[in-house]
PDB file of all heavy atoms in Angstrom:
ATOM      1  N   ASN A   1       0.846  -1.187   0.000  1.00  0.00           N
ATOM      2  CA  ASN A   1       0.000   0.000   0.000  1.00  0.00           C
ATOM      3  C   ASN A   1       0.889   1.247   0.000  1.00  0.00           C
ATOM      4  O   ASN A   1       1.876   1.281   0.735  1.00  0.00           O
ATOM      5  CB  ASN A   1      -0.887   0.002   1.263  1.00  0.00           C
ATOM      6  CG  ASN A   1      -1.839   1.171   1.289  1.00  0.00           C
ATOM      7  OD1 ASN A   1      -2.665   1.317   0.400  1.00  0.00           O
ATOM      8  ND2 ASN A   1      -1.729   2.015   2.300  1.00  0.00           N
ATOM      9  N   PRO A   2       0.571   2.242  -0.842  1.00  0.00           N
ATOM     10  CA  PRO A   2      -0.574   2.342  -1.748  1.00  0.00           C
ATOM     11  C   PRO A   2      -0.341   1.616  -3.071  1.00  0.00           C
ATOM     12  O   PRO A   2       0.784   1.220  -3.377  1.00  0.00           O
ATOM     13  CB  PRO A   2      -0.681   3.861  -1.982  1.00  0.00           C
ATOM     14  CG  PRO A   2       0.733   4.336  -1.879  1.00  0.00           C
ATOM     15  CD  PRO A   2       1.367   3.485  -0.804  1.00  0.00           C
ATOM     16  N   GLY A   3      -1.411   1.457  -3.829  1.00  0.00           N
ATOM     17  CA  GLY A   3      -1.335   0.914  -5.170  1.00  0.00           C
ATOM     18  C   GLY A   3      -1.741  -0.534  -5.307  1.00  0.00           C
ATOM     19  O   GLY A   3      -2.018  -1.010  -6.392  1.00  0.00           O
ATOM     20  N   ARG A   4      -1.711  -1.274  -4.210  1.00  0.00           N
ATOM     21  CA  ARG A   4      -2.035  -2.708  -4.221  1.00  0.00           C
ATOM     22  C   ARG A   4      -1.117  -3.490  -5.160  1.00  0.00           C
ATOM     23  O   ARG A   4      -1.529  -4.402  -5.867  1.00  0.00           O
ATOM     24  CB  ARG A   4      -3.500  -2.952  -4.584  1.00  0.00           C
ATOM     25  CG  ARG A   4      -3.991  -4.314  -4.129  1.00  0.00           C
ATOM     26  CD  ARG A   4      -5.477  -4.493  -4.291  1.00  0.00           C
ATOM     27  NE  ARG A   4      -5.887  -5.755  -3.667  1.00  0.00           N
ATOM     28  CZ  ARG A   4      -7.157  -6.130  -3.514  1.00  0.00           C
ATOM     29  NH1 ARG A   4      -8.146  -5.363  -3.934  1.00  0.00           N
ATOM     30  NH2 ARG A   4      -7.432  -7.290  -2.943  1.00  0.00           N
ATOM     31  N   HIS A   5       0.170  -3.124  -5.124  1.00  0.00           N
ATOM     32  CA  HIS A   5       1.159  -3.810  -5.951  1.00  0.00           C
ATOM     33  C   HIS A   5       1.941  -4.814  -5.098  1.00  0.00           C
ATOM     34  O   HIS A   5       1.601  -5.083  -3.949  1.00  0.00           O
ATOM     35  CB  HIS A   5       2.091  -2.795  -6.604  1.00  0.00           C
ATOM     36  CG  HIS A   5       1.389  -1.818  -7.474  1.00  0.00           C
ATOM     37  ND1 HIS A   5       0.510  -2.184  -8.474  1.00  0.00           N
ATOM     38  CD2 HIS A   5       1.419  -0.442  -7.506  1.00  0.00           C
ATOM     39  CE1 HIS A   5       0.045  -1.121  -9.083  1.00  0.00           C
ATOM     40  NE2 HIS A   5       0.572  -0.040  -8.508  1.00  0.00           N
ATOM     41  N   GLU A   6       3.026  -5.356  -5.677  1.00  0.00           N
ATOM     42  CA  GLU A   6       3.803  -6.391  -5.009  1.00  0.00           C
ATOM     43  C   GLU A   6       4.543  -5.832  -3.789  1.00  0.00           C
ATOM     44  O   GLU A   6       4.772  -4.630  -3.680  1.00  0.00           O
ATOM     45  CB  GLU A   6       4.801  -7.038  -5.973  1.00  0.00           C
ATOM     46  CG  GLU A   6       5.642  -6.055  -6.756  1.00  0.00           C
ATOM     47  CD  GLU A   6       5.054  -5.783  -8.126  1.00  0.00           C
ATOM     48  OE1 GLU A   6       4.009  -5.094  -8.206  1.00  0.00           O
ATOM     49  OE2 GLU A   6       5.639  -6.227  -9.124  1.00  0.00           O
ATOM     50  N   PRO A   7       4.904  -6.718  -2.845  1.00  0.00           N
ATOM     51  CA  PRO A   7       5.704  -6.289  -1.691  1.00  0.00           C
ATOM     52  C   PRO A   7       6.968  -5.556  -2.142  1.00  0.00           C
ATOM     53  O   PRO A   7       7.604  -5.914  -3.131  1.00  0.00           O
ATOM     54  CB  PRO A   7       6.049  -7.609  -0.998  1.00  0.00           C
ATOM     55  CG  PRO A   7       4.911  -8.508  -1.332  1.00  0.00           C
ATOM     56  CD  PRO A   7       4.555  -8.153  -2.754  1.00  0.00           C
ATOM     57  N   GLY A   8       7.306  -4.516  -1.378  1.00  0.00           N
ATOM     58  CA  GLY A   8       8.477  -3.716  -1.703  1.00  0.00           C
ATOM     59  C   GLY A   8       8.178  -2.469  -2.493  1.00  0.00           C
ATOM     60  O   GLY A   8       9.082  -1.667  -2.753  1.00  0.00           O
ATOM     61  N   THR A   9       6.918  -2.268  -2.874  1.00  0.00           N
ATOM     62  CA  THR A   9       6.544  -1.093  -3.665  1.00  0.00           C
ATOM     63  C   THR A   9       5.853  -0.029  -2.821  1.00  0.00           C
ATOM     64  O   THR A   9       5.504   1.031  -3.340  1.00  0.00           O
ATOM     65  CB  THR A   9       5.614  -1.489  -4.820  1.00  0.00           C
ATOM     66  OG1 THR A   9       4.428  -2.108  -4.290  1.00  0.00           O
ATOM     67  CG2 THR A   9       6.307  -2.456  -5.766  1.00  0.00           C
ATOM     68  N   GLY A  10       5.656  -0.294  -1.532  1.00  0.00           N
ATOM     69  CA  GLY A  10       4.914   0.653  -0.711  1.00  0.00           C
ATOM     70  C   GLY A  10       5.418   0.709   0.718  1.00  0.00           C
ATOM     71  O   GLY A  10       6.588   0.450   0.993  1.00  0.00           O
ATOM     72  N   GLU A  11       4.516   0.996   1.635  1.00  0.00           N
ATOM     73  CA  GLU A  11       4.879   1.337   3.003  1.00  0.00           C
ATOM     74  C   GLU A  11       5.008   0.152   3.948  1.00  0.00           C
ATOM     75  O   GLU A  11       5.515   0.303   5.067  1.00  0.00           O
ATOM     76  CB  GLU A  11       3.821   2.298   3.561  1.00  0.00           C
ATOM     77  CG  GLU A  11       2.447   1.665   3.751  1.00  0.00           C
ATOM     78  CD  GLU A  11       1.372   2.683   4.124  1.00  0.00           C
ATOM     79  OE1 GLU A  11       1.708   3.873   4.284  1.00  0.00           O
ATOM     80  OE2 GLU A  11       0.205   2.282   4.245  1.00  0.00           O
ATOM     81  N   ILE A  12       4.540  -1.027   3.565  1.00  0.00           N
ATOM     82  CA  ILE A  12       4.520  -2.161   4.484  1.00  0.00           C
ATOM     83  C   ILE A  12       5.890  -2.839   4.510  1.00  0.00           C
ATOM     84  O   ILE A  12       6.453  -3.166   3.458  1.00  0.00           O
ATOM     85  CB  ILE A  12       3.429  -3.168   4.092  1.00  0.00           C
ATOM     86  CG1 ILE A  12       2.049  -2.493   4.121  1.00  0.00           C
ATOM     87  CG2 ILE A  12       3.441  -4.367   5.038  1.00  0.00           C
ATOM     88  CD1 ILE A  12       0.911  -3.373   3.605  1.00  0.00           C
ATOM     89  N   ASN A  13       6.399  -3.057   5.708  1.00  0.00           N
ATOM     90  CA  ASN A  13       7.706  -3.706   5.891  1.00  0.00           C
ATOM     91  C   ASN A  13       7.502  -5.226   5.823  1.00  0.00           C
ATOM     92  O   ASN A  13       7.432  -5.911   6.848  1.00  0.00           O
ATOM     93  CB  ASN A  13       8.326  -3.288   7.219  1.00  0.00           C
ATOM     94  CG  ASN A  13       9.728  -3.837   7.413  1.00  0.00           C
ATOM     95  OD1 ASN A  13      10.202  -4.669   6.649  1.00  0.00           O
ATOM     96  ND2 ASN A  13      10.402  -3.371   8.454  1.00  0.00           N
ATOM     97  N   TYR A  14       7.423  -5.730   4.605  1.00  0.00           N
ATOM     98  CA  TYR A  14       7.109  -7.144   4.449  1.00  0.00           C
ATOM     99  C   TYR A  14       8.197  -8.085   4.943  1.00  0.00           C
ATOM    100  O   TYR A  14       7.889  -9.123   5.540  1.00  0.00           O
ATOM    101  CB  TYR A  14       6.707  -7.455   3.010  1.00  0.00           C
ATOM    102  CG  TYR A  14       5.216  -7.305   2.796  1.00  0.00           C
ATOM    103  CD1 TYR A  14       4.686  -6.274   2.036  1.00  0.00           C
ATOM    104  CD2 TYR A  14       4.332  -8.205   3.379  1.00  0.00           C
ATOM    105  CE1 TYR A  14       3.323  -6.143   1.866  1.00  0.00           C
ATOM    106  CE2 TYR A  14       2.961  -8.076   3.212  1.00  0.00           C
ATOM    107  CZ  TYR A  14       2.460  -7.052   2.454  1.00  0.00           C
ATOM    108  OH  TYR A  14       1.107  -6.932   2.302  1.00  0.00           O
ATOM    109  N   PRO A  15       9.484  -7.813   4.752  1.00  0.00           N
ATOM    110  CA  PRO A  15      10.478  -8.731   5.322  1.00  0.00           C
ATOM    111  C   PRO A  15      10.309  -8.923   6.828  1.00  0.00           C
ATOM    112  O   PRO A  15      10.395 -10.054   7.341  1.00  0.00           O
ATOM    113  CB  PRO A  15      11.809  -8.072   4.965  1.00  0.00           C
ATOM    114  CG  PRO A  15      11.519  -7.328   3.704  1.00  0.00           C
ATOM    115  CD  PRO A  15      10.125  -6.796   3.888  1.00  0.00           C
ATOM    116  N   PHE A  16      10.071  -7.840   7.541  1.00  0.00           N
ATOM    117  CA  PHE A  16       9.815  -7.944   8.980  1.00  0.00           C
ATOM    118  C   PHE A  16       8.554  -8.761   9.248  1.00  0.00           C
ATOM    119  O   PHE A  16       8.526  -9.650  10.116  1.00  0.00           O
ATOM    120  CB  PHE A  16       9.674  -6.561   9.602  1.00  0.00           C
ATOM    121  CG  PHE A  16       9.113  -6.582  10.998  1.00  0.00           C
ATOM    122  CD1 PHE A  16       9.918  -6.902  12.077  1.00  0.00           C
ATOM    123  CD2 PHE A  16       7.774  -6.315  11.221  1.00  0.00           C
ATOM    124  CE1 PHE A  16       9.405  -6.944  13.368  1.00  0.00           C
ATOM    125  CE2 PHE A  16       7.245  -6.364  12.501  1.00  0.00           C
ATOM    126  CZ  PHE A  16       8.063  -6.672  13.578  1.00  0.00           C
ATOM    127  N   LEU A  17       7.496  -8.463   8.498  1.00  0.00           N
ATOM    128  CA  LEU A  17       6.217  -9.119   8.742  1.00  0.00           C
ATOM    129  C   LEU A  17       6.288 -10.613   8.441  1.00  0.00           C
ATOM    130  O   LEU A  17       5.749 -11.431   9.196  1.00  0.00           O
ATOM    131  CB  LEU A  17       5.136  -8.454   7.888  1.00  0.00           C
ATOM    132  CG  LEU A  17       3.694  -8.583   8.390  1.00  0.00           C
ATOM    133  CD1 LEU A  17       3.562  -8.023   9.804  1.00  0.00           C
ATOM    134  CD2 LEU A  17       2.752  -7.859   7.440  1.00  0.00           C
ATOM    135  N   PHE A  18       6.975 -10.984   7.357  1.00  0.00           N
ATOM    136  CA  PHE A  18       7.135 -12.413   7.059  1.00  0.00           C
ATOM    137  C   PHE A  18       7.892 -13.111   8.184  1.00  0.00           C
ATOM    138  O   PHE A  18       7.581 -14.254   8.539  1.00  0.00           O
ATOM    139  CB  PHE A  18       7.871 -12.604   5.735  1.00  0.00           C
ATOM    140  CG  PHE A  18       7.109 -12.146   4.524  1.00  0.00           C
ATOM    141  CD1 PHE A  18       7.791 -11.761   3.369  1.00  0.00           C
ATOM    142  CD2 PHE A  18       5.729 -12.104   4.513  1.00  0.00           C
ATOM    143  CE1 PHE A  18       7.099 -11.343   2.240  1.00  0.00           C
ATOM    144  CE2 PHE A  18       5.018 -11.688   3.389  1.00  0.00           C
ATOM    145  CZ  PHE A  18       5.712 -11.303   2.253  1.00  0.00           C
ATOM    146  N   GLY A  19       8.892 -12.430   8.744  1.00  0.00           N
ATOM    147  CA  GLY A  19       9.626 -13.008   9.857  1.00  0.00           C
ATOM    148  C   GLY A  19       8.736 -13.216  11.076  1.00  0.00           C
ATOM    149  O   GLY A  19       8.829 -14.245  11.764  1.00  0.00           O
ATOM    150  N   GLU A  20       7.849 -12.256  11.339  1.00  0.00           N
ATOM    151  CA  GLU A  20       6.931 -12.389  12.465  1.00  0.00           C
ATOM    152  C   GLU A  20       5.928 -13.517  12.227  1.00  0.00           C
ATOM    153  O   GLU A  20       5.621 -14.296  13.146  1.00  0.00           O
ATOM    154  CB  GLU A  20       6.181 -11.064  12.676  1.00  0.00           C
ATOM    155  CG  GLU A  20       7.007  -9.996  13.338  1.00  0.00           C
ATOM    156  CD  GLU A  20       7.394 -10.389  14.749  1.00  0.00           C
ATOM    157  OE1 GLU A  20       6.512 -10.431  15.628  1.00  0.00           O
ATOM    158  OE2 GLU A  20       8.582 -10.706  14.972  1.00  0.00           O
ATOM    159  N   ILE A  21       5.406 -13.606  11.007  1.00  0.00           N
ATOM    160  CA  ILE A  21       4.458 -14.679  10.680  1.00  0.00           C
ATOM    161  C   ILE A  21       5.114 -16.038  10.864  1.00  0.00           C
ATOM    162  O   ILE A  21       4.511 -16.981  11.403  1.00  0.00           O
ATOM    163  CB  ILE A  21       3.922 -14.487   9.249  1.00  0.00           C
ATOM    164  CG1 ILE A  21       3.018 -13.247   9.193  1.00  0.00           C
ATOM    165  CG2 ILE A  21       3.174 -15.726   8.765  1.00  0.00           C
ATOM    166  CD1 ILE A  21       2.665 -12.803   7.787  1.00  0.00           C
ATOM    167  N   ASP A  22       6.363 -16.137  10.444  1.00  0.00           N
ATOM    168  CA  ASP A  22       7.110 -17.385  10.604  1.00  0.00           C
ATOM    169  C   ASP A  22       7.351 -17.684  12.083  1.00  0.00           C
ATOM    170  O   ASP A  22       7.179 -18.819  12.545  1.00  0.00           O
ATOM    171  CB  ASP A  22       8.426 -17.288   9.839  1.00  0.00           C
ATOM    172  CG  ASP A  22       9.050 -18.640   9.535  1.00  0.00           C
ATOM    173  OD1 ASP A  22       8.303 -19.620   9.348  1.00  0.00           O
ATOM    174  OD2 ASP A  22      10.284 -18.714   9.473  1.00  0.00           O
ATOM    175  N   ARG A  23       7.740 -16.647  12.826  1.00  0.00           N
ATOM    176  CA  ARG A  23       8.010 -16.831  14.254  1.00  0.00           C
ATOM    177  C   ARG A  23       6.766 -17.288  15.006  1.00  0.00           C
ATOM    178  O   ARG A  23       6.854 -18.110  15.935  1.00  0.00           O
ATOM    179  CB  ARG A  23       8.520 -15.513  14.849  1.00  0.00           C
ATOM    180  CG  ARG A  23       8.892 -15.588  16.328  1.00  0.00           C
ATOM    181  CD  ARG A  23       9.279 -14.230  16.876  1.00  0.00           C
ATOM    182  NE  ARG A  23       8.161 -13.295  16.873  1.00  0.00           N
ATOM    183  CZ  ARG A  23       7.200 -13.280  17.795  1.00  0.00           C
ATOM    184  NH1 ARG A  23       7.234 -14.145  18.818  1.00  0.00           N
ATOM    185  NH2 ARG A  23       6.230 -12.401  17.735  1.00  0.00           N
ATOM    186  N   LEU A  24       5.620 -16.772  14.612  1.00  0.00           N
ATOM    187  CA  LEU A  24       4.359 -17.131  15.277  1.00  0.00           C
ATOM    188  C   LEU A  24       3.905 -18.546  14.933  1.00  0.00           C
ATOM    189  O   LEU A  24       3.038 -19.102  15.605  1.00  0.00           O
ATOM    190  CB  LEU A  24       3.266 -16.131  14.885  1.00  0.00           C
ATOM    191  CG  LEU A  24       3.423 -14.714  15.464  1.00  0.00           C
ATOM    192  CD1 LEU A  24       2.490 -13.746  14.769  1.00  0.00           C
ATOM    193  CD2 LEU A  24       3.176 -14.719  16.970  1.00  0.00           C
ATOM    194  N   GLY A  25       4.475 -19.116  13.883  1.00  0.00           N
ATOM    195  CA  GLY A  25       4.146 -20.486  13.534  1.00  0.00           C
ATOM    196  C   GLY A  25       2.926 -20.644  12.653  1.00  0.00           C
ATOM    197  O   GLY A  25       2.338 -21.736  12.604  1.00  0.00           O
ATOM    198  N   PHE A  26       2.535 -19.605  11.934  1.00  0.00           N
ATOM    199  CA  PHE A  26       1.409 -19.737  11.003  1.00  0.00           C
ATOM    200  C   PHE A  26       1.781 -20.716   9.901  1.00  0.00           C
ATOM    201  O   PHE A  26       2.787 -20.543   9.216  1.00  0.00           O
ATOM    202  CB  PHE A  26       1.060 -18.375  10.400  1.00  0.00           C
ATOM    203  CG  PHE A  26      -0.050 -18.435   9.376  1.00  0.00           C
ATOM    204  CD1 PHE A  26      -1.343 -18.712   9.763  1.00  0.00           C
ATOM    205  CD2 PHE A  26       0.216 -18.216   8.031  1.00  0.00           C
ATOM    206  CE1 PHE A  26      -2.368 -18.767   8.828  1.00  0.00           C
ATOM    207  CE2 PHE A  26      -0.799 -18.274   7.087  1.00  0.00           C
ATOM    208  CZ  PHE A  26      -2.091 -18.551   7.497  1.00  0.00           C
ATOM    209  N   ASP A  27       0.978 -21.761   9.729  1.00  0.00           N
ATOM    210  CA  ASP A  27       1.329 -22.797   8.762  1.00  0.00           C
ATOM    211  C   ASP A  27       0.412 -22.829   7.555  1.00  0.00           C
ATOM    212  O   ASP A  27       0.456 -23.759   6.752  1.00  0.00           O
ATOM    213  CB  ASP A  27       1.366 -24.178   9.428  1.00  0.00           C
ATOM    214  CG  ASP A  27       0.014 -24.581  10.005  1.00  0.00           C
ATOM    215  OD1 ASP A  27      -0.939 -23.777   9.930  1.00  0.00           O
ATOM    216  OD2 ASP A  27      -0.094 -25.711  10.528  1.00  0.00           O
ATOM    217  N   GLY A  28      -0.429 -21.804   7.415  1.00  0.00           N
ATOM    218  CA  GLY A  28      -1.289 -21.707   6.249  1.00  0.00           C
ATOM    219  C   GLY A  28      -0.593 -20.991   5.104  1.00  0.00           C
ATOM    220  O   GLY A  28       0.611 -20.691   5.163  1.00  0.00           O
ATOM    221  N   PHE A  29      -1.368 -20.689   4.076  1.00  0.00           N
ATOM    222  CA  PHE A  29      -0.829 -20.002   2.908  1.00  0.00           C
ATOM    223  C   PHE A  29      -1.117 -18.497   2.968  1.00  0.00           C
ATOM    224  O   PHE A  29      -2.087 -18.056   3.581  1.00  0.00           O
ATOM    225  CB  PHE A  29      -1.444 -20.575   1.623  1.00  0.00           C
ATOM    226  CG  PHE A  29      -0.844 -21.889   1.218  1.00  0.00           C
ATOM    227  CD1 PHE A  29      -1.405 -23.082   1.652  1.00  0.00           C
ATOM    228  CD2 PHE A  29       0.294 -21.931   0.425  1.00  0.00           C
ATOM    229  CE1 PHE A  29      -0.846 -24.294   1.287  1.00  0.00           C
ATOM    230  CE2 PHE A  29       0.857 -23.133   0.060  1.00  0.00           C
ATOM    231  CZ  PHE A  29       0.290 -24.328   0.490  1.00  0.00           C
ATOM    232  N   ILE A  30      -0.229 -17.754   2.314  1.00  0.00           N
ATOM    233  CA  ILE A  30      -0.413 -16.315   2.119  1.00  0.00           C
ATOM    234  C   ILE A  30      -0.649 -16.099   0.627  1.00  0.00           C
ATOM    235  O   ILE A  30       0.239 -16.347  -0.196  1.00  0.00           O
ATOM    236  CB  ILE A  30       0.817 -15.518   2.582  1.00  0.00           C
ATOM    237  CG1 ILE A  30       1.155 -15.846   4.039  1.00  0.00           C
ATOM    238  CG2 ILE A  30       0.566 -14.019   2.413  1.00  0.00           C
ATOM    239  CD1 ILE A  30       2.453 -15.222   4.523  1.00  0.00           C
ATOM    240  N   GLY A  31      -1.841 -15.673   0.273  1.00  0.00           N
ATOM    241  CA  GLY A  31      -2.187 -15.450  -1.128  1.00  0.00           C
ATOM    242  C   GLY A  31      -1.672 -14.121  -1.629  1.00  0.00           C
ATOM    243  O   GLY A  31      -1.798 -13.094  -0.948  1.00  0.00           O
ATOM    244  N   CYS A  32      -1.080 -14.140  -2.804  1.00  0.00           N
ATOM    245  CA  CYS A  32      -0.494 -12.918  -3.391  1.00  0.00           C
ATOM    246  C   CYS A  32      -1.555 -12.215  -4.244  1.00  0.00           C
ATOM    247  O   CYS A  32      -1.530 -12.265  -5.471  1.00  0.00           O
ATOM    248  CB  CYS A  32       0.731 -13.294  -4.219  1.00  0.00           C
ATOM    249  SG  CYS A  32       1.972 -14.187  -3.258  1.00  0.00           S
ATOM    250  N   GLU A  33      -2.445 -11.538  -3.552  1.00  0.00           N
ATOM    251  CA  GLU A  33      -3.569 -10.884  -4.226  1.00  0.00           C
ATOM    252  C   GLU A  33      -3.208  -9.425  -4.527  1.00  0.00           C
ATOM    253  O   GLU A  33      -3.776  -8.487  -3.976  1.00  0.00           O
ATOM    254  CB  GLU A  33      -4.833 -10.961  -3.362  1.00  0.00           C
ATOM    255  CG  GLU A  33      -6.093 -10.626  -4.146  1.00  0.00           C
ATOM    256  CD  GLU A  33      -7.342 -10.618  -3.286  1.00  0.00           C
ATOM    257  OE1 GLU A  33      -7.277 -10.165  -2.124  1.00  0.00           O
ATOM    258  OE2 GLU A  33      -8.387 -11.041  -3.785  1.00  0.00           O
ATOM    259  N   TYR A  34      -2.230  -9.266  -5.413  1.00  0.00           N
ATOM    260  CA  TYR A  34      -1.793  -7.917  -5.760  1.00  0.00           C
ATOM    261  C   TYR A  34      -1.782  -7.731  -7.274  1.00  0.00           C
ATOM    262  O   TYR A  34      -1.792  -8.691  -8.040  1.00  0.00           O
ATOM    263  CB  TYR A  34      -0.411  -7.632  -5.171  1.00  0.00           C
ATOM    264  CG  TYR A  34       0.737  -8.481  -5.691  1.00  0.00           C
ATOM    265  CD1 TYR A  34       1.325  -8.236  -6.933  1.00  0.00           C
ATOM    266  CD2 TYR A  34       1.281  -9.500  -4.917  1.00  0.00           C
ATOM    267  CE1 TYR A  34       2.404  -8.993  -7.400  1.00  0.00           C
ATOM    268  CE2 TYR A  34       2.348 -10.266  -5.371  1.00  0.00           C
ATOM    269  CZ  TYR A  34       2.906  -9.998  -6.606  1.00  0.00           C
ATOM    270  OH  TYR A  34       3.963 -10.750  -7.063  1.00  0.00           O
ATOM    271  N   LYS A  35      -1.753  -6.461  -7.675  1.00  0.00           N
ATOM    272  CA  LYS A  35      -1.691  -6.098  -9.093  1.00  0.00           C
ATOM    273  C   LYS A  35      -0.236  -5.805  -9.448  1.00  0.00           C
ATOM    274  O   LYS A  35       0.306  -4.781  -9.006  1.00  0.00           O
ATOM    275  CB  LYS A  35      -2.559  -4.861  -9.361  1.00  0.00           C
ATOM    276  CG  LYS A  35      -4.032  -5.046  -9.047  1.00  0.00           C
ATOM    277  CD  LYS A  35      -4.831  -3.792  -9.307  1.00  0.00           C
ATOM    278  CE  LYS A  35      -4.512  -2.711  -8.284  1.00  0.00           C
ATOM    279  NZ  LYS A  35      -5.378  -1.509  -8.435  1.00  0.00           N
ATOM    280  N   PRO A  36       0.414  -6.675 -10.187  1.00  0.00           N
ATOM    281  CA  PRO A  36       1.815  -6.413 -10.534  1.00  0.00           C
ATOM    282  C   PRO A  36       1.967  -5.081 -11.260  1.00  0.00           C
ATOM    283  O   PRO A  36       1.119  -4.697 -12.083  1.00  0.00           O
ATOM    284  CB  PRO A  36       2.175  -7.578 -11.453  1.00  0.00           C
ATOM    285  CG  PRO A  36       1.207  -8.664 -11.088  1.00  0.00           C
ATOM    286  CD  PRO A  36      -0.066  -7.954 -10.747  1.00  0.00           C
ATOM    287  N   LYS A  37       3.048  -4.363 -10.940  1.00  0.00           N
ATOM    288  CA  LYS A  37       3.284  -3.068 -11.589  1.00  0.00           C
ATOM    289  C   LYS A  37       3.637  -3.235 -13.060  1.00  0.00           C
ATOM    290  O   LYS A  37       3.409  -2.335 -13.867  1.00  0.00           O
ATOM    291  CB  LYS A  37       4.401  -2.308 -10.868  1.00  0.00           C
ATOM    292  CG  LYS A  37       4.031  -1.881  -9.462  1.00  0.00           C
ATOM    293  CD  LYS A  37       5.004  -0.869  -8.898  1.00  0.00           C
ATOM    294  CE  LYS A  37       4.768   0.516  -9.489  1.00  0.00           C
ATOM    295  NZ  LYS A  37       5.564   1.555  -8.777  1.00  0.00           N
ATOM    296  N   GLY A  38       4.206  -4.387 -13.428  1.00  0.00           N
ATOM    297  CA  GLY A  38       4.544  -4.694 -14.815  1.00  0.00           C
ATOM    298  C   GLY A  38       4.245  -6.159 -15.068  1.00  0.00           C
ATOM    299  O   GLY A  38       3.271  -6.699 -14.539  1.00  0.00           O
ATOM    300  N   GLU A  39       5.071  -6.810 -15.863  1.00  0.00           N
ATOM    301  CA  GLU A  39       4.902  -8.243 -16.054  1.00  0.00           C
ATOM    302  C   GLU A  39       5.103  -8.947 -14.714  1.00  0.00           C
ATOM    303  O   GLU A  39       5.991  -8.591 -13.935  1.00  0.00           O
ATOM    304  CB  GLU A  39       5.922  -8.764 -17.077  1.00  0.00           C
ATOM    305  CG  GLU A  39       5.722 -10.244 -17.395  1.00  0.00           C
ATOM    306  CD  GLU A  39       6.781 -10.776 -18.342  1.00  0.00           C
ATOM    307  OE1 GLU A  39       7.967 -10.436 -18.157  1.00  0.00           O
ATOM    308  OE2 GLU A  39       6.416 -11.533 -19.258  1.00  0.00           O
ATOM    309  N   THR A  40       4.271  -9.931 -14.438  1.00  0.00           N
ATOM    310  CA  THR A  40       4.296 -10.560 -13.118  1.00  0.00           C
ATOM    311  C   THR A  40       5.681 -11.043 -12.736  1.00  0.00           C
ATOM    312  O   THR A  40       6.184 -10.766 -11.634  1.00  0.00           O
ATOM    313  CB  THR A  40       3.301 -11.733 -13.077  1.00  0.00           C
ATOM    314  OG1 THR A  40       1.986 -11.244 -13.358  1.00  0.00           O
ATOM    315  CG2 THR A  40       3.316 -12.396 -11.713  1.00  0.00           C
ATOM    316  N   GLU A  41       6.349 -11.791 -13.628  1.00  0.00           N
ATOM    317  CA  GLU A  41       7.648 -12.366 -13.299  1.00  0.00           C
ATOM    318  C   GLU A  41       8.697 -11.300 -13.004  1.00  0.00           C
ATOM    319  O   GLU A  41       9.590 -11.517 -12.177  1.00  0.00           O
ATOM    320  CB  GLU A  41       8.138 -13.270 -14.435  1.00  0.00           C
ATOM    321  CG  GLU A  41       7.396 -14.597 -14.560  1.00  0.00           C
ATOM    322  CD  GLU A  41       6.160 -14.538 -15.427  1.00  0.00           C
ATOM    323  OE1 GLU A  41       5.718 -13.399 -15.745  1.00  0.00           O
ATOM    324  OE2 GLU A  41       5.627 -15.596 -15.781  1.00  0.00           O
ATOM    325  N   ALA A  42       8.580 -10.138 -13.644  1.00  0.00           N
ATOM    326  CA  ALA A  42       9.557  -9.073 -13.443  1.00  0.00           C
ATOM    327  C   ALA A  42       9.476  -8.482 -12.032  1.00  0.00           C
ATOM    328  O   ALA A  42      10.437  -7.864 -11.564  1.00  0.00           O
ATOM    329  CB  ALA A  42       9.360  -7.973 -14.481  1.00  0.00           C
ATOM    330  N   GLY A  43       8.345  -8.680 -11.362  1.00  0.00           N
ATOM    331  CA  GLY A  43       8.173  -8.118 -10.025  1.00  0.00           C
ATOM    332  C   GLY A  43       8.282  -9.124  -8.909  1.00  0.00           C
ATOM    333  O   GLY A  43       7.784  -8.886  -7.805  1.00  0.00           O
TER     334      GLY A  43
END
């Protein structure tokens, strides 16, 4: 956020958050429901 693009394009500290999710032991999936800024693979 903003833009609803891939991690690393906005204000959310995703590396930190992924580490916290892992530390908490969440064993489900995280769906990548974002709009790629360009071709999906490039992002």
